[in-house]
Amino acid sequence: MTDTRIQEQLDILTEVSRKMPYKAFLYDCDGTLADNMHAHKAAYREAAAQYGILLDTAIIDELAGWPTVLIAEEINKRYGTDVPPQEFATLKSTIFLDRYVSDTLPIDFVVHHLKAHIGKVRIGVVSGGSRKTVTRTLTVIGLIDTIEALVCAGDTDRGKPYPDPFLAAAQQLGVAPADCLVFEDGNPGVQGAIAAGMDWVRIDQLG
């Protein structure tokens, strides 16, 4: 993406986020702050291959934001397999951390937007990834010290598309749900934000 395009996207995002006096911004991690969905898909594909599954990674886009354990359960349903979901999730995470995370790049305009609002609004990250992989990803792209609330897979009984992780982040920040704006790149996250009573923006669908 050119510098001009980054600035254009940033301007659009900034305009959207100023429509209301929001008190907190809640960002998804993978595919929103971090340009790493290709890497996650590769890790899913490699993990699945170890169980003899030729995985169509379109399922990752479809279920973006779901915890890996639940995606593993869905893979079992669709492929007629019986891979232990937690075992699969651990393998996928290990592959991602060992082979891919160190090369993670930021999605520049979203990261610029976050950094421009440090100290102006509360900042949280709500992800369907494991705390280990999300923490490492945020560290690689230089954001870990800017995050005031971090909600990951397993931190709430239900993940996206349910509202639970978004409500947990708002509670950690001491901000009412209606005062939060959610930044997402997937439909499950948007569904969760709506269910939580929060406004949202799809960063992958800006003009």
Protein backbone atom coordinates (compact mmCIF):
# COMPACT_ATOMS: atom_id res chain seq x y z
CA MET A 1 0.00 0.00 0.00
CA THR A 2 1.39 3.40 -0.98
CA ASP A 3 1.89 6.19 1.54
CA THR A 4 -0.91 8.13 -0.17
CA ARG A 5 -3.31 5.21 0.13
CA ILE A 6 -2.37 4.69 3.78
CA GLN A 7 -3.14 8.34 4.50
CA GLU A 8 -6.45 8.13 2.63
CA GLN A 9 -7.49 5.07 4.63
CA LEU A 10 -6.36 6.69 7.86
CA ASP A 11 -8.37 9.83 7.09
CA ILE A 12 -11.50 7.76 6.47
CA LEU A 13 -11.00 5.79 9.68
CA THR A 14 -10.38 8.96 11.67
CA GLU A 15 -13.52 10.58 10.29
CA VAL A 16 -15.63 7.54 11.18
CA SER A 17 -14.25 7.38 14.70
CA ARG A 18 -15.04 11.04 15.36
CA LYS A 19 -18.75 10.79 14.60
CA MET A 20 -19.45 10.17 18.28
CA PRO A 21 -17.54 11.10 21.46
CA TYR A 22 -16.30 7.54 22.01
CA LYS A 23 -14.42 6.81 25.21
CA ALA A 24 -12.81 3.53 24.11
CA PHE A 25 -11.59 1.92 20.91
CA LEU A 26 -11.56 -1.87 20.78
CA TYR A 27 -9.44 -3.35 18.01
CA ASP A 28 -9.35 -6.88 16.70
CA CYS A 29 -5.77 -8.11 16.27
CA ASP A 30 -5.33 -10.52 13.35
CA GLY A 31 -6.33 -8.93 10.07
CA THR A 32 -7.11 -5.60 11.72
CA LEU A 33 -3.93 -4.43 13.45
CA ALA A 34 -1.69 -7.18 12.10
CA ASP A 35 -1.34 -8.07 8.42
CA ASN A 36 -1.05 -11.78 9.16
CA MET A 37 -4.12 -13.64 7.96
CA HIS A 38 -2.07 -15.29 5.21
CA ALA A 39 0.28 -16.60 7.90
CA HIS A 40 -2.57 -17.89 10.05
CA LYS A 41 -4.07 -19.64 7.03
CA ALA A 42 -0.71 -21.27 6.28
CA ALA A 43 -0.45 -22.46 9.88
CA TYR A 44 -3.98 -23.88 9.75
CA ARG A 45 -3.21 -25.62 6.48
CA GLU A 46 0.01 -27.14 7.82
CA ALA A 47 -1.65 -28.26 11.05
CA ALA A 48 -4.54 -29.83 9.18
CA ALA A 49 -2.17 -31.62 6.82
CA GLN A 50 -0.58 -33.37 9.78
CA TYR A 51 -3.98 -34.98 10.39
CA GLY A 52 -4.44 -35.88 6.74
CA ILE A 53 -6.83 -33.02 6.02
CA LEU A 54 -6.47 -30.99 2.80
CA LEU A 55 -7.92 -27.80 4.24
CA ASP A 56 -9.68 -25.16 2.18
CA THR A 57 -8.61 -22.04 4.07
CA ALA A 58 -11.72 -20.12 2.97
CA ILE A 59 -13.14 -21.40 6.26
CA ILE A 60 -10.71 -19.11 8.10
CA ASP A 61 -12.16 -16.04 6.39
CA GLU A 62 -15.68 -17.27 7.03
CA LEU A 63 -15.07 -17.82 10.75
CA ALA A 64 -12.65 -14.93 11.32
CA GLY A 65 -12.52 -14.15 15.02
CA TRP A 66 -13.59 -17.57 16.25
CA PRO A 67 -11.28 -19.24 18.79
CA THR A 68 -9.04 -21.84 17.15
CA VAL A 69 -10.59 -24.64 19.20
CA LEU A 70 -14.03 -23.85 17.77
CA ILE A 71 -12.65 -23.62 14.24
CA ALA A 72 -11.10 -27.06 14.79
CA GLU A 73 -14.51 -28.38 15.84
CA GLU A 74 -16.04 -26.92 12.68
CA ILE A 75 -13.30 -28.50 10.56
CA ASN A 76 -14.19 -31.86 12.11
CA LYS A 77 -17.84 -31.35 11.19
CA ARG A 78 -17.14 -30.39 7.60
CA TYR A 79 -14.44 -32.96 6.88
CA GLY A 80 -15.89 -35.84 8.87
CA THR A 81 -12.80 -36.08 11.05
CA ASP A 82 -12.33 -36.50 14.78
CA VAL A 83 -9.18 -34.49 15.50
CA PRO A 84 -9.00 -33.44 19.19
CA PRO A 85 -9.80 -29.71 18.96
CA GLN A 86 -7.46 -28.56 21.73
CA GLU A 87 -4.65 -30.67 20.31
CA PHE A 88 -5.21 -29.12 16.89
CA ALA A 89 -5.30 -25.61 18.38
CA THR A 90 -2.03 -26.17 20.21
CA LEU A 91 -0.34 -27.50 17.07
CA LYS A 92 -1.60 -24.64 14.93
CA SER A 93 -0.41 -22.09 17.50
CA THR A 94 2.99 -23.74 17.72
CA ILE A 95 3.41 -23.69 13.95
CA PHE A 96 2.38 -20.03 13.78
CA LEU A 97 4.73 -18.96 16.58
CA ASP A 98 7.67 -20.99 15.31
CA ARG A 99 7.46 -20.16 11.61
CA TYR A 100 5.45 -17.02 11.01
CA VAL A 101 4.90 -14.55 13.84
CA SER A 102 8.35 -12.94 13.68
CA ASP A 103 7.60 -11.73 10.13
CA THR A 104 4.31 -10.05 11.07
CA LEU A 105 3.78 -6.58 9.63
CA PRO A 106 1.29 -3.98 10.84
CA ILE A 107 -1.74 -2.83 8.89
CA ASP A 108 -0.33 0.66 8.80
CA PHE A 109 -3.40 2.88 8.69
CA VAL A 110 -5.09 1.06 11.58
CA VAL A 111 -1.93 1.08 13.70
CA HIS A 112 -1.45 4.79 12.96
CA HIS A 113 -5.05 5.38 14.03
CA LEU A 114 -4.50 3.56 17.32
CA LYS A 115 -1.28 5.41 18.09
CA ALA A 116 -2.88 8.78 17.30
CA HIS A 117 -5.50 8.17 20.00
CA ILE A 118 -3.27 7.00 22.85
CA GLY A 119 -4.15 9.09 25.88
CA LYS A 120 -7.30 10.44 24.20
CA VAL A 121 -9.47 7.31 24.49
CA ARG A 122 -9.00 3.99 26.25
CA ILE A 123 -7.43 1.32 24.07
CA GLY A 124 -8.31 -2.37 24.08
CA VAL A 125 -7.75 -5.43 21.91
CA VAL A 126 -10.39 -8.15 21.59
CA SER A 127 -9.20 -11.26 19.75
CA GLY A 128 -10.24 -14.83 19.14
CA GLY A 129 -6.58 -15.85 19.23
CA SER A 130 -4.78 -17.32 22.21
CA ARG A 131 -3.23 -14.88 24.68
CA LYS A 132 0.21 -16.24 23.83
CA THR A 133 -0.06 -15.66 20.08
CA VAL A 134 -1.85 -12.31 20.39
CA THR A 135 0.67 -11.00 22.91
CA ARG A 136 3.54 -12.07 20.68
CA THR A 137 1.90 -10.53 17.61
CA LEU A 138 1.30 -7.20 19.36
CA THR A 139 4.88 -7.25 20.59
CA VAL A 140 6.27 -7.81 17.09
CA ILE A 141 4.29 -4.87 15.65
CA GLY A 142 5.24 -2.64 18.59
CA LEU A 143 1.84 -2.20 20.23
CA ILE A 144 1.91 -4.35 23.35
CA ASP A 145 2.71 -1.46 25.69
CA THR A 146 -0.13 0.67 24.32
CA ILE A 147 -2.91 -1.82 25.12
CA GLU A 148 -4.90 -1.13 28.29
CA ALA A 149 -7.21 -4.15 28.06
CA LEU A 150 -6.61 -7.45 26.29
CA VAL A 151 -9.31 -10.11 25.93
CA CYS A 152 -8.35 -13.34 24.16
CA ALA A 153 -9.73 -16.82 23.53
CA GLY A 154 -10.70 -18.49 26.79
CA ASP A 155 -10.95 -15.26 28.78
CA THR A 156 -14.74 -15.41 28.53
CA ASP A 157 -17.08 -18.39 28.41
CA ARG A 158 -18.11 -17.46 24.88
CA GLY A 159 -16.08 -15.77 22.17
CA LYS A 160 -17.06 -13.94 19.02
CA PRO A 161 -19.76 -13.77 17.60
CA TYR A 162 -21.12 -13.46 21.14
CA PRO A 163 -20.82 -10.13 22.98
CA ASP A 164 -18.94 -11.54 25.97
CA PRO A 165 -15.35 -10.59 25.03
CA PHE A 166 -16.34 -7.06 24.04
CA LEU A 167 -18.28 -6.55 27.26
CA ALA A 168 -15.33 -7.90 29.24
CA ALA A 169 -12.98 -5.40 27.58
CA ALA A 170 -15.37 -2.52 28.27
CA GLN A 171 -15.60 -3.59 31.89
CA GLN A 172 -11.81 -3.75 32.21
CA LEU A 173 -11.58 -0.22 30.83
CA GLY A 174 -14.43 1.10 32.95
CA VAL A 175 -16.31 2.31 29.89
CA ALA A 176 -19.98 1.74 29.03
CA PRO A 177 -20.53 -0.46 25.95
CA ALA A 178 -22.36 2.35 24.15
CA ASP A 179 -19.21 4.48 24.44
CA CYS A 180 -17.03 1.92 22.64
CA LEU A 181 -16.16 1.73 18.94
CA VAL A 182 -15.04 -1.65 17.60
CA PHE A 183 -12.61 -2.09 14.70
CA GLU A 184 -12.96 -5.42 12.91
CA ASP A 185 -12.22 -7.27 9.68
CA GLY A 186 -14.65 -10.17 10.08
CA ASN A 187 -18.36 -10.78 10.36
CA PRO A 188 -18.26 -12.73 13.67
CA GLY A 189 -16.58 -9.77 15.35
CA VAL A 190 -19.14 -7.37 13.95
CA GLN A 191 -21.94 -9.63 15.22
CA GLY A 192 -20.34 -9.63 18.66
CA ALA A 193 -20.00 -5.85 18.68
CA ILE A 194 -23.64 -5.39 17.70
CA ALA A 195 -24.75 -7.85 20.38
CA ALA A 196 -22.69 -5.89 22.91
CA GLY A 197 -24.44 -2.64 21.96
CA MET A 198 -21.30 -1.13 20.44
CA ASP A 199 -20.72 0.76 17.21
CA TRP A 200 -18.31 -0.84 14.76
CA VAL A 201 -16.33 -0.32 11.58
CA ARG A 202 -15.01 -2.90 9.10
CA ILE A 203 -11.48 -1.78 8.31
CA ASP A 204 -11.43 -3.97 5.20
CA GLN A 205 -14.51 -2.29 3.73
CA LEU A 206 -13.54 1.36 3.87
CA GLY A 207 -13.80 3.45 0.73
